[in-house]
């Protein structure tokens, strides 16, 4: 892996919103031999932990494309989320300011409305001669930022289980990976995008929004290949509801999924942590109820299968 200092890394990719106060010459200094500016293809994924091959975590997913990027580029081993929910974290990332500065502290606040003069990463590229294009989820769902984009700005893309079959394990257990059957859950709870479901996508997942996001990013690449571009390509998976193709599920053996030694059906606060550090009840995947060991293993497998599905789209 290449060893980059923070400044050399930012200069190599032609700067970021953190460099908004730098003169425009900061961009010209990063041109390649022959005077051509480097293009930027910016990938994002939602709720993706370091359960990918290059980190060799306990339940790492099969992610050959992400691993290839890590091998040829830079892998950060001390990299932290700006905020524990989506909108403040993304607003912080793209503005270069802490959430306490942006004042975006929840999922219902529009960054541009409360910080109208903020310069975002894609906006800075746009101001310096790049064509900027969006595909998929870059800002928080329901928000977008028109000053950031030449192409693709407007209504933010949504998520869902399009192109697949919801596995309602309380009523219709279906074969999953390794030909086993998902046992019924304690109760059937559905909360929209935060659904207590596992989704089996049809075919190669062509009907899913992430597949269509990859299609759109490929179109942007083909259209803009002869000019300086910044393309933001944002995948929703592995955000719940967990969704993947049969091929992705089949990569993982349920019997080999390991639970932590202190596994508990309900969230528990570790010794020394304030009680508010963990909710009193499960959220998102197990809303309002506990999880058995078998259910927990199913969802761990579905989670890493969803990571593999996202990795496939990146590879395309």
C-alpha atoms as a PDB file:
ATOM      1  CA  UNK A   1       0.000   0.000   0.000  1.00  0.00           C
ATOM      2  CA  UNK A   2       1.166   3.541  -0.750  1.00  0.00           C
ATOM      3  CA  UNK A   3       2.210   5.635   2.249  1.00  0.00           C
ATOM      4  CA  UNK A   4       0.550   9.062   2.017  1.00  0.00           C
ATOM      5  CA  UNK A   5       0.682  11.981   4.355  1.00  0.00           C
ATOM      6  CA  UNK A   6      -2.645  13.728   4.865  1.00  0.00           C
ATOM      7  CA  UNK A   7      -1.615  16.706   2.704  1.00  0.00           C
ATOM      8  CA  UNK A   8      -0.128  14.647  -0.111  1.00  0.00           C
ATOM      9  CA  UNK A   9      -3.242  12.459  -0.154  1.00  0.00           C
ATOM     10  CA  UNK A  10      -5.523  15.496  -0.464  1.00  0.00           C
ATOM     11  CA  UNK A  11      -3.299  17.024  -3.137  1.00  0.00           C
ATOM     12  CA  UNK A  12      -3.292  13.783  -5.114  1.00  0.00           C
ATOM     13  CA  UNK A  13      -7.085  13.682  -5.362  1.00  0.00           C
ATOM     14  CA  UNK A  14      -7.183  17.413  -6.156  1.00  0.00           C
ATOM     15  CA  UNK A  15      -8.236  18.596  -2.738  1.00  0.00           C
ATOM     16  CA  UNK A  16     -11.361  18.371  -0.606  1.00  0.00           C
ATOM     17  CA  UNK A  17     -13.747  20.699   1.115  1.00  0.00           C
ATOM     18  CA  UNK A  18     -11.213  20.869   3.929  1.00  0.00           C
ATOM     19  CA  UNK A  19      -9.045  22.783   1.465  1.00  0.00           C
ATOM     20  CA  UNK A  20     -11.782  25.261   0.536  1.00  0.00           C
ATOM     21  CA  UNK A  21      -9.678  28.124   1.852  1.00  0.00           C
ATOM     22  CA  UNK A  22      -6.743  27.206  -0.416  1.00  0.00           C
ATOM     23  CA  UNK A  23      -6.200  29.080  -3.684  1.00  0.00           C
ATOM     24  CA  UNK A  24      -7.261  27.504  -6.964  1.00  0.00           C
ATOM     25  CA  UNK A  25      -3.581  26.791  -7.673  1.00  0.00           C
ATOM     26  CA  UNK A  26      -3.846  23.912  -5.196  1.00  0.00           C
ATOM     27  CA  UNK A  27      -5.715  22.064  -7.913  1.00  0.00           C
ATOM     28  CA  UNK A  28      -3.340  22.911 -10.746  1.00  0.00           C
ATOM     29  CA  UNK A  29      -0.448  21.574  -8.678  1.00  0.00           C
ATOM     30  CA  UNK A  30      -2.059  18.134  -8.647  1.00  0.00           C
ATOM     31  CA  UNK A  31      -2.238  17.687 -12.404  1.00  0.00           C
ATOM     32  CA  UNK A  32      -0.690  14.656 -14.038  1.00  0.00           C
ATOM     33  CA  UNK A  33       2.157  14.761 -16.559  1.00  0.00           C
ATOM     34  CA  UNK A  34       0.872  16.454 -19.689  1.00  0.00           C
ATOM     35  CA  UNK A  35      -1.351  18.814 -17.721  1.00  0.00           C
ATOM     36  CA  UNK A  36      -4.347  16.479 -17.330  1.00  0.00           C
ATOM     37  CA  UNK A  37      -6.186  16.679 -14.020  1.00  0.00           C
ATOM     38  CA  UNK A  38      -6.820  13.357 -12.263  1.00  0.00           C
ATOM     39  CA  UNK A  39     -10.410  12.133 -12.391  1.00  0.00           C
ATOM     40  CA  UNK A  40     -12.199  11.151  -9.187  1.00  0.00           C
ATOM     41  CA  UNK A  41     -14.681   8.315  -8.768  1.00  0.00           C
ATOM     42  CA  UNK A  42     -15.969   8.598  -5.199  1.00  0.00           C
ATOM     43  CA  UNK A  43     -17.632   5.467  -3.789  1.00  0.00           C
ATOM     44  CA  UNK A  44     -19.799   5.357  -0.685  1.00  0.00           C
ATOM     45  CA  UNK A  45     -21.712   2.594   1.065  1.00  0.00           C
ATOM     46  CA  UNK A  46     -24.238   2.878   3.890  1.00  0.00           C
ATOM     47  CA  UNK A  47     -23.719   1.213   7.294  1.00  0.00           C
ATOM     48  CA  UNK A  48     -20.684  -0.766   6.118  1.00  0.00           C
ATOM     49  CA  UNK A  49     -18.403  -1.804   8.959  1.00  0.00           C
ATOM     50  CA  UNK A  50     -14.893  -3.117   8.393  1.00  0.00           C
ATOM     51  CA  UNK A  51     -16.331  -6.580   7.668  1.00  0.00           C
ATOM     52  CA  UNK A  52     -14.440  -6.668   4.372  1.00  0.00           C
ATOM     53  CA  UNK A  53     -11.601  -8.876   3.234  1.00  0.00           C
ATOM     54  CA  UNK A  54      -8.756  -6.371   3.479  1.00  0.00           C
ATOM     55  CA  UNK A  55      -9.361  -5.910   7.210  1.00  0.00           C
ATOM     56  CA  UNK A  56      -9.545  -9.668   7.891  1.00  0.00           C
ATOM     57  CA  UNK A  57     -12.238  -9.224  10.548  1.00  0.00           C
ATOM     58  CA  UNK A  58     -13.991 -12.187  12.150  1.00  0.00           C
ATOM     59  CA  UNK A  59     -16.965 -12.186   9.769  1.00  0.00           C
ATOM     60  CA  UNK A  60     -15.360 -10.513   6.803  1.00  0.00           C
ATOM     61  CA  UNK A  61     -17.305 -10.633   3.577  1.00  0.00           C
ATOM     62  CA  UNK A  62     -15.935 -11.760   0.226  1.00  0.00           C
ATOM     63  CA  UNK A  63     -15.025  -8.379  -1.284  1.00  0.00           C
ATOM     64  CA  UNK A  64     -12.433  -8.773  -4.066  1.00  0.00           C
ATOM     65  CA  UNK A  65     -13.108  -5.334  -5.543  1.00  0.00           C
ATOM     66  CA  UNK A  66     -12.793  -3.421  -2.277  1.00  0.00           C
ATOM     67  CA  UNK A  67      -9.699  -5.480  -1.462  1.00  0.00           C
ATOM     68  CA  UNK A  68      -8.142  -4.510  -4.796  1.00  0.00           C
ATOM     69  CA  UNK A  69      -8.703  -0.829  -4.036  1.00  0.00           C
ATOM     70  CA  UNK A  70      -7.065  -1.260  -0.633  1.00  0.00           C
ATOM     71  CA  UNK A  71      -4.076  -3.069  -2.145  1.00  0.00           C
ATOM     72  CA  UNK A  72      -3.461  -0.454  -4.833  1.00  0.00           C
ATOM     73  CA  UNK A  73      -4.329   2.554  -2.692  1.00  0.00           C
ATOM     74  CA  UNK A  74      -4.555   3.544   0.951  1.00  0.00           C
ATOM     75  CA  UNK A  75      -6.257   1.620   3.754  1.00  0.00           C
ATOM     76  CA  UNK A  76      -6.969   3.642   6.859  1.00  0.00           C
ATOM     77  CA  UNK A  77      -6.677   1.700  10.105  1.00  0.00           C
ATOM     78  CA  UNK A  78      -7.730   4.587  12.356  1.00  0.00           C
ATOM     79  CA  UNK A  79     -10.732   6.174  10.699  1.00  0.00           C
ATOM     80  CA  UNK A  80     -13.777   7.227  12.683  1.00  0.00           C
ATOM     81  CA  UNK A  81     -17.408   8.032  11.996  1.00  0.00           C
ATOM     82  CA  UNK A  82     -18.222  11.689  12.538  1.00  0.00           C
ATOM     83  CA  UNK A  83     -21.605  10.965  14.099  1.00  0.00           C
ATOM     84  CA  UNK A  84     -23.607   7.793  14.891  1.00  0.00           C
ATOM     85  CA  UNK A  85     -26.432   8.559  12.438  1.00  0.00           C
ATOM     86  CA  UNK A  86     -26.489   9.152   8.711  1.00  0.00           C
ATOM     87  CA  UNK A  87     -27.307  12.777   7.917  1.00  0.00           C
ATOM     88  CA  UNK A  88     -24.884  14.499  10.352  1.00  0.00           C
ATOM     89  CA  UNK A  89     -22.069  12.156   9.340  1.00  0.00           C
ATOM     90  CA  UNK A  90     -22.515  12.774   5.613  1.00  0.00           C
ATOM     91  CA  UNK A  91     -22.939  16.520   6.110  1.00  0.00           C
ATOM     92  CA  UNK A  92     -19.689  16.531   8.079  1.00  0.00           C
ATOM     93  CA  UNK A  93     -17.815  14.457   5.518  1.00  0.00           C
ATOM     94  CA  UNK A  94     -18.820  16.601   2.554  1.00  0.00           C
ATOM     95  CA  UNK A  95     -18.433  19.964   4.259  1.00  0.00           C
ATOM     96  CA  UNK A  96     -15.194  19.203   6.087  1.00  0.00           C
ATOM     97  CA  UNK A  97     -16.687  20.530   9.327  1.00  0.00           C
ATOM     98  CA  UNK A  98     -17.577  18.764  12.561  1.00  0.00           C
ATOM     99  CA  UNK A  99     -21.300  18.235  13.277  1.00  0.00           C
ATOM    100  CA  UNK A 100     -21.023  20.775  16.087  1.00  0.00           C
ATOM    101  CA  UNK A 101     -20.031  23.326  13.442  1.00  0.00           C
ATOM    102  CA  UNK A 102     -22.507  22.344  10.715  1.00  0.00           C
ATOM    103  CA  UNK A 103     -25.299  22.169  13.328  1.00  0.00           C
ATOM    104  CA  UNK A 104     -26.644  19.109  11.510  1.00  0.00           C
ATOM    105  CA  UNK A 105     -27.336  16.815  14.456  1.00  0.00           C
ATOM    106  CA  UNK A 106     -30.289  14.786  13.208  1.00  0.00           C
ATOM    107  CA  UNK A 107     -31.722  13.156  10.101  1.00  0.00           C
ATOM    108  CA  UNK A 108     -34.282  15.885   9.367  1.00  0.00           C
ATOM    109  CA  UNK A 109     -31.930  18.870   8.951  1.00  0.00           C
ATOM    110  CA  UNK A 110     -30.901  20.071   5.490  1.00  0.00           C
ATOM    111  CA  UNK A 111     -27.233  21.136   5.514  1.00  0.00           C
ATOM    112  CA  UNK A 112     -27.683  23.730   2.747  1.00  0.00           C
ATOM    113  CA  UNK A 113     -30.597  25.431   4.512  1.00  0.00           C
ATOM    114  CA  UNK A 114     -28.710  26.108   7.717  1.00  0.00           C
ATOM    115  CA  UNK A 115     -25.284  26.544   6.086  1.00  0.00           C
ATOM    116  CA  UNK A 116     -26.119  28.225   2.734  1.00  0.00           C
ATOM    117  CA  UNK A 117     -22.523  29.286   2.103  1.00  0.00           C
ATOM    118  CA  UNK A 118     -20.886  25.932   2.804  1.00  0.00           C
ATOM    119  CA  UNK A 119     -18.563  24.573   0.085  1.00  0.00           C
ATOM    120  CA  UNK A 120     -18.910  20.816  -0.319  1.00  0.00           C
ATOM    121  CA  UNK A 121     -16.332  18.433  -1.778  1.00  0.00           C
ATOM    122  CA  UNK A 122     -18.068  17.987  -5.176  1.00  0.00           C
ATOM    123  CA  UNK A 123     -18.896  21.706  -5.249  1.00  0.00           C
ATOM    124  CA  UNK A 124     -15.217  22.555  -4.815  1.00  0.00           C
ATOM    125  CA  UNK A 125     -14.306  20.300  -7.736  1.00  0.00           C
ATOM    126  CA  UNK A 126     -17.070  21.931  -9.784  1.00  0.00           C
ATOM    127  CA  UNK A 127     -15.660  25.385  -8.964  1.00  0.00           C
ATOM    128  CA  UNK A 128     -12.275  24.255 -10.280  1.00  0.00           C
ATOM    129  CA  UNK A 129     -13.191  23.051 -13.760  1.00  0.00           C
ATOM    130  CA  UNK A 130     -14.515  19.545 -13.044  1.00  0.00           C
ATOM    131  CA  UNK A 131     -17.831  18.165 -14.234  1.00  0.00           C
ATOM    132  CA  UNK A 132     -19.582  16.656 -11.227  1.00  0.00           C
ATOM    133  CA  UNK A 133     -22.174  13.887 -11.434  1.00  0.00           C
ATOM    134  CA  UNK A 134     -24.126  11.888  -8.880  1.00  0.00           C
ATOM    135  CA  UNK A 135     -25.423   8.311  -8.883  1.00  0.00           C
ATOM    136  CA  UNK A 136     -27.195   6.858  -5.859  1.00  0.00           C
ATOM    137  CA  UNK A 137     -27.084   7.970  -2.237  1.00  0.00           C
ATOM    138  CA  UNK A 138     -24.481  10.635  -1.504  1.00  0.00           C
ATOM    139  CA  UNK A 139     -26.270  12.965   0.870  1.00  0.00           C
ATOM    140  CA  UNK A 140     -28.848  11.628   3.297  1.00  0.00           C
ATOM    141  CA  UNK A 141     -31.974  10.099   1.779  1.00  0.00           C
ATOM    142  CA  UNK A 142     -34.517  12.781   0.939  1.00  0.00           C
ATOM    143  CA  UNK A 143     -31.842  15.493   0.659  1.00  0.00           C
ATOM    144  CA  UNK A 144     -29.546  16.473  -2.143  1.00  0.00           C
ATOM    145  CA  UNK A 145     -27.369  19.501  -2.828  1.00  0.00           C
ATOM    146  CA  UNK A 146     -27.876  21.197  -6.184  1.00  0.00           C
ATOM    147  CA  UNK A 147     -24.703  23.358  -5.989  1.00  0.00           C
ATOM    148  CA  UNK A 148     -22.693  20.128  -5.811  1.00  0.00           C
ATOM    149  CA  UNK A 149     -23.690  18.669  -9.158  1.00  0.00           C
ATOM    150  CA  UNK A 150     -23.714  19.386 -12.855  1.00  0.00           C
ATOM    151  CA  UNK A 151     -25.461  16.067 -13.517  1.00  0.00           C
ATOM    152  CA  UNK A 152     -27.779  14.035 -11.321  1.00  0.00           C
ATOM    153  CA  UNK A 153     -28.696  16.618  -8.703  1.00  0.00           C
ATOM    154  CA  UNK A 154     -32.253  16.826  -7.477  1.00  0.00           C
ATOM    155  CA  UNK A 155     -34.404  14.283  -5.704  1.00  0.00           C
ATOM    156  CA  UNK A 156     -32.251  11.853  -3.751  1.00  0.00           C
ATOM    157  CA  UNK A 157     -32.506   8.198  -4.681  1.00  0.00           C
ATOM    158  CA  UNK A 158     -34.506   5.945  -2.397  1.00  0.00           C
ATOM    159  CA  UNK A 159     -33.982   2.393  -1.231  1.00  0.00           C
ATOM    160  CA  UNK A 160     -36.077  -0.713  -1.044  1.00  0.00           C
ATOM    161  CA  UNK A 161     -36.311  -4.316  -1.980  1.00  0.00           C
ATOM    162  CA  UNK A 162     -37.144  -3.772  -5.618  1.00  0.00           C
ATOM    163  CA  UNK A 163     -36.483  -6.749  -7.796  1.00  0.00           C
ATOM    164  CA  UNK A 164     -36.551  -9.315  -5.027  1.00  0.00           C
ATOM    165  CA  UNK A 165     -38.664 -11.297  -2.620  1.00  0.00           C
ATOM    166  CA  UNK A 166     -39.045 -10.322   1.008  1.00  0.00           C
ATOM    167  CA  UNK A 167     -38.369 -13.243   3.295  1.00  0.00           C
ATOM    168  CA  UNK A 168     -41.140 -12.955   5.870  1.00  0.00           C
ATOM    169  CA  UNK A 169     -39.845 -15.683   8.114  1.00  0.00           C
ATOM    170  CA  UNK A 170     -42.911 -15.649  10.344  1.00  0.00           C
ATOM    171  CA  UNK A 171     -45.101 -16.963   7.534  1.00  0.00           C
ATOM    172  CA  UNK A 172     -43.099 -18.254   4.590  1.00  0.00           C
ATOM    173  CA  UNK A 173     -39.721 -19.754   5.530  1.00  0.00           C
ATOM    174  CA  UNK A 174     -37.659 -20.138   2.361  1.00  0.00           C
ATOM    175  CA  UNK A 175     -34.405 -21.870   1.486  1.00  0.00           C
ATOM    176  CA  UNK A 176     -31.379 -19.656   1.996  1.00  0.00           C
ATOM    177  CA  UNK A 177     -27.642 -20.267   1.770  1.00  0.00           C
ATOM    178  CA  UNK A 178     -26.469 -23.844   2.232  1.00  0.00           C
ATOM    179  CA  UNK A 179     -30.014 -25.049   1.573  1.00  0.00           C
ATOM    180  CA  UNK A 180     -31.091 -24.483   5.174  1.00  0.00           C
ATOM    181  CA  UNK A 181     -34.309 -22.752   6.186  1.00  0.00           C
ATOM    182  CA  UNK A 182     -34.654 -19.504   8.062  1.00  0.00           C
ATOM    183  CA  UNK A 183     -36.617 -20.259  11.262  1.00  0.00           C
ATOM    184  CA  UNK A 184     -39.586 -18.039  12.080  1.00  0.00           C
ATOM    185  CA  UNK A 185     -38.947 -14.794  13.882  1.00  0.00           C
ATOM    186  CA  UNK A 186     -40.696 -14.003  17.121  1.00  0.00           C
ATOM    187  CA  UNK A 187     -43.082 -11.620  15.432  1.00  0.00           C
ATOM    188  CA  UNK A 188     -43.661  -9.902  12.117  1.00  0.00           C
ATOM    189  CA  UNK A 189     -42.595  -6.266  12.334  1.00  0.00           C
ATOM    190  CA  UNK A 190     -42.132  -4.001   9.345  1.00  0.00           C
ATOM    191  CA  UNK A 191     -40.955  -0.397   9.624  1.00  0.00           C
ATOM    192  CA  UNK A 192     -40.391   0.686   6.043  1.00  0.00           C
ATOM    193  CA  UNK A 193     -36.707   0.931   5.176  1.00  0.00           C
ATOM    194  CA  UNK A 194     -35.850  -0.233   8.695  1.00  0.00           C
ATOM    195  CA  UNK A 195     -37.574  -3.550   8.176  1.00  0.00           C
ATOM    196  CA  UNK A 196     -37.277  -6.668  10.273  1.00  0.00           C
ATOM    197  CA  UNK A 197     -36.868  -8.662   7.059  1.00  0.00           C
ATOM    198  CA  UNK A 198     -34.236 -10.322   4.907  1.00  0.00           C
ATOM    199  CA  UNK A 199     -34.594  -9.858   1.148  1.00  0.00           C
ATOM    200  CA  UNK A 200     -33.585 -12.369  -1.505  1.00  0.00           C
ATOM    201  CA  UNK A 201     -32.943 -10.484  -4.747  1.00  0.00           C
ATOM    202  CA  UNK A 202     -33.935 -11.998  -8.080  1.00  0.00           C
ATOM    203  CA  UNK A 203     -31.227 -12.916 -10.575  1.00  0.00           C
ATOM    204  CA  UNK A 204     -28.153 -10.720 -10.234  1.00  0.00           C
ATOM    205  CA  UNK A 205     -30.122  -8.045  -8.406  1.00  0.00           C
ATOM    206  CA  UNK A 206     -30.917  -6.059 -11.547  1.00  0.00           C
ATOM    207  CA  UNK A 207     -34.105  -4.677  -9.989  1.00  0.00           C
ATOM    208  CA  UNK A 208     -32.421  -3.283  -6.895  1.00  0.00           C
ATOM    209  CA  UNK A 209     -31.588   0.457  -6.650  1.00  0.00           C
ATOM    210  CA  UNK A 210     -27.888  -0.283  -6.019  1.00  0.00           C
ATOM    211  CA  UNK A 211     -27.646  -2.206  -9.294  1.00  0.00           C
ATOM    212  CA  UNK A 212     -29.269   0.753 -11.067  1.00  0.00           C
ATOM    213  CA  UNK A 213     -26.869   3.113  -9.298  1.00  0.00           C
ATOM    214  CA  UNK A 214     -23.945   1.171 -10.774  1.00  0.00           C
ATOM    215  CA  UNK A 215     -25.601   1.356 -14.201  1.00  0.00           C
ATOM    216  CA  UNK A 216     -25.913   5.128 -13.894  1.00  0.00           C
ATOM    217  CA  UNK A 217     -22.327   5.566 -12.669  1.00  0.00           C
ATOM    218  CA  UNK A 218     -21.116   3.554 -15.678  1.00  0.00           C
ATOM    219  CA  UNK A 219     -23.103   5.865 -17.958  1.00  0.00           C
ATOM    220  CA  UNK A 220     -21.474   8.892 -16.294  1.00  0.00           C
ATOM    221  CA  UNK A 221     -18.009   7.352 -16.765  1.00  0.00           C
ATOM    222  CA  UNK A 222     -18.608   6.728 -20.455  1.00  0.00           C
ATOM    223  CA  UNK A 223     -20.030  10.213 -21.019  1.00  0.00           C
ATOM    224  CA  UNK A 224     -17.372  12.136 -19.077  1.00  0.00           C
ATOM    225  CA  UNK A 225     -14.275  10.042 -19.774  1.00  0.00           C
ATOM    226  CA  UNK A 226     -12.603  12.712 -21.921  1.00  0.00           C
ATOM    227  CA  UNK A 227     -12.873  15.546 -19.392  1.00  0.00           C
ATOM    228  CA  UNK A 228     -11.994  16.128 -15.720  1.00  0.00           C
ATOM    229  CA  UNK A 229     -14.770  14.632 -13.615  1.00  0.00           C
ATOM    230  CA  UNK A 230     -15.853  13.986 -10.058  1.00  0.00           C
ATOM    231  CA  UNK A 231     -18.466  11.218  -9.927  1.00  0.00           C
ATOM    232  CA  UNK A 232     -20.166  10.380  -6.639  1.00  0.00           C
ATOM    233  CA  UNK A 233     -21.466   6.794  -6.579  1.00  0.00           C
ATOM    234  CA  UNK A 234     -23.365   5.880  -3.426  1.00  0.00           C
ATOM    235  CA  UNK A 235     -24.630   2.393  -2.578  1.00  0.00           C
ATOM    236  CA  UNK A 236     -27.248   1.855   0.131  1.00  0.00           C
ATOM    237  CA  UNK A 237     -26.350  -1.704   1.069  1.00  0.00           C
ATOM    238  CA  UNK A 238     -25.630  -3.107   3.577  1.00  0.00           C
ATOM    239  CA  UNK A 239     -28.144  -0.739   5.213  1.00  0.00           C
ATOM    240  CA  UNK A 240     -31.276  -2.568   6.333  1.00  0.00           C
ATOM    241  CA  UNK A 241     -33.389  -4.166   5.046  1.00  0.00           C
ATOM    242  CA  UNK A 242     -30.603  -6.637   4.336  1.00  0.00           C
ATOM    243  CA  UNK A 243     -30.721  -7.687   0.700  1.00  0.00           C
ATOM    244  CA  UNK A 244     -28.537  -9.847  -1.515  1.00  0.00           C
ATOM    245  CA  UNK A 245     -28.711 -12.385  -4.322  1.00  0.00           C
ATOM    246  CA  UNK A 246     -28.734 -16.139  -3.769  1.00  0.00           C
ATOM    247  CA  UNK A 247     -25.144 -16.249  -5.019  1.00  0.00           C
ATOM    248  CA  UNK A 248     -24.068 -13.870  -2.251  1.00  0.00           C
ATOM    249  CA  UNK A 249     -25.913 -15.797   0.473  1.00  0.00           C
ATOM    250  CA  UNK A 250     -24.399 -19.064  -0.718  1.00  0.00           C
ATOM    251  CA  UNK A 251     -20.890 -17.810  -0.016  1.00  0.00           C
ATOM    252  CA  UNK A 252     -21.388 -18.067   3.734  1.00  0.00           C
ATOM    253  CA  UNK A 253     -21.962 -21.119   5.903  1.00  0.00           C
ATOM    254  CA  UNK A 254     -24.401 -20.406   8.710  1.00  0.00           C
ATOM    255  CA  UNK A 255     -22.691 -23.011  10.904  1.00  0.00           C
ATOM    256  CA  UNK A 256     -19.432 -21.068  10.725  1.00  0.00           C
ATOM    257  CA  UNK A 257     -20.928 -17.778  11.885  1.00  0.00           C
ATOM    258  CA  UNK A 258     -19.523 -16.998  15.325  1.00  0.00           C
ATOM    259  CA  UNK A 259     -21.308 -15.018  18.002  1.00  0.00           C
ATOM    260  CA  UNK A 260     -19.353 -12.997  20.554  1.00  0.00           C
ATOM    261  CA  UNK A 261     -18.765 -14.752  23.885  1.00  0.00           C
ATOM    262  CA  UNK A 262     -20.905 -12.151  25.659  1.00  0.00           C
ATOM    263  CA  UNK A 263     -23.816 -12.454  23.195  1.00  0.00           C
ATOM    264  CA  UNK A 264     -27.122 -11.414  24.726  1.00  0.00           C
ATOM    265  CA  UNK A 265     -30.625 -11.484  23.305  1.00  0.00           C
ATOM    266  CA  UNK A 266     -31.073  -7.877  24.408  1.00  0.00           C
ATOM    267  CA  UNK A 267     -28.505  -5.059  24.260  1.00  0.00           C
ATOM    268  CA  UNK A 268     -26.325  -4.761  27.340  1.00  0.00           C
ATOM    269  CA  UNK A 269     -24.082  -1.931  28.459  1.00  0.00           C
ATOM    270  CA  UNK A 270     -20.440  -2.971  28.960  1.00  0.00           C
ATOM    271  CA  UNK A 271     -18.821  -2.360  32.327  1.00  0.00           C
ATOM    272  CA  UNK A 272     -17.783   1.241  32.708  1.00  0.00           C
ATOM    273  CA  UNK A 273     -20.084   2.561  29.961  1.00  0.00           C
ATOM    274  CA  UNK A 274     -22.869   5.068  30.725  1.00  0.00           C
ATOM    275  CA  UNK A 275     -26.299   3.479  30.528  1.00  0.00           C
ATOM    276  CA  UNK A 276     -27.308   5.837  27.705  1.00  0.00           C
ATOM    277  CA  UNK A 277     -24.558   4.418  25.464  1.00  0.00           C
ATOM    278  CA  UNK A 278     -26.864   1.605  24.279  1.00  0.00           C
ATOM    279  CA  UNK A 279     -30.615   1.743  23.859  1.00  0.00           C
ATOM    280  CA  UNK A 280     -32.774  -0.163  26.293  1.00  0.00           C
ATOM    281  CA  UNK A 281     -34.375  -2.040  23.378  1.00  0.00           C
ATOM    282  CA  UNK A 282     -33.101  -3.420  20.106  1.00  0.00           C
ATOM    283  CA  UNK A 283     -33.434  -1.200  17.075  1.00  0.00           C
ATOM    284  CA  UNK A 284     -33.566  -1.555  13.301  1.00  0.00           C
ATOM    285  CA  UNK A 285     -33.136  -5.296  12.671  1.00  0.00           C
ATOM    286  CA  UNK A 286     -34.770  -6.490  15.904  1.00  0.00           C
ATOM    287  CA  UNK A 287     -37.221  -3.757  16.726  1.00  0.00           C
ATOM    288  CA  UNK A 288     -38.730  -4.109  20.169  1.00  0.00           C
ATOM    289  CA  UNK A 289     -37.704  -7.717  20.777  1.00  0.00           C
ATOM    290  CA  UNK A 290     -34.802  -9.929  21.599  1.00  0.00           C
ATOM    291  CA  UNK A 291     -32.836 -12.053  19.142  1.00  0.00           C
ATOM    292  CA  UNK A 292     -32.127 -15.743  19.495  1.00  0.00           C
ATOM    293  CA  UNK A 293     -28.680 -17.072  18.635  1.00  0.00           C
ATOM    294  CA  UNK A 294     -30.009 -18.585  15.406  1.00  0.00           C
ATOM    295  CA  UNK A 295     -31.646 -15.321  14.356  1.00  0.00           C
ATOM    296  CA  UNK A 296     -28.480 -13.381  15.137  1.00  0.00           C
ATOM    297  CA  UNK A 297     -26.441 -15.737  12.941  1.00  0.00           C
ATOM    298  CA  UNK A 298     -28.929 -15.373  10.104  1.00  0.00           C
ATOM    299  CA  UNK A 299     -28.672 -11.612  10.195  1.00  0.00           C
ATOM    300  CA  UNK A 300     -24.886 -11.621  10.426  1.00  0.00           C
ATOM    301  CA  UNK A 301     -24.795 -13.787   7.315  1.00  0.00           C
ATOM    302  CA  UNK A 302     -27.354 -11.573   5.557  1.00  0.00           C
ATOM    303  CA  UNK A 303     -25.304  -8.510   6.486  1.00  0.00           C
ATOM    304  CA  UNK A 304     -22.047  -9.793   4.998  1.00  0.00           C
ATOM    305  CA  UNK A 305     -23.965 -11.107   1.975  1.00  0.00           C
ATOM    306  CA  UNK A 306     -25.278  -7.556   1.459  1.00  0.00           C
ATOM    307  CA  UNK A 307     -21.689  -6.288   1.627  1.00  0.00           C
ATOM    308  CA  UNK A 308     -20.732  -8.778  -1.082  1.00  0.00           C
ATOM    309  CA  UNK A 309     -23.625  -7.529  -3.206  1.00  0.00           C
ATOM    310  CA  UNK A 310     -22.411  -3.929  -2.831  1.00  0.00           C
ATOM    311  CA  UNK A 311     -18.874  -5.055  -3.700  1.00  0.00           C
ATOM    312  CA  UNK A 312     -20.170  -6.660  -6.899  1.00  0.00           C
ATOM    313  CA  UNK A 313     -21.752  -3.377  -7.953  1.00  0.00           C
ATOM    314  CA  UNK A 314     -18.496  -1.544  -7.289  1.00  0.00           C
ATOM    315  CA  UNK A 315     -16.726  -4.133  -9.436  1.00  0.00           C
ATOM    316  CA  UNK A 316     -19.089  -3.555 -12.330  1.00  0.00           C
END
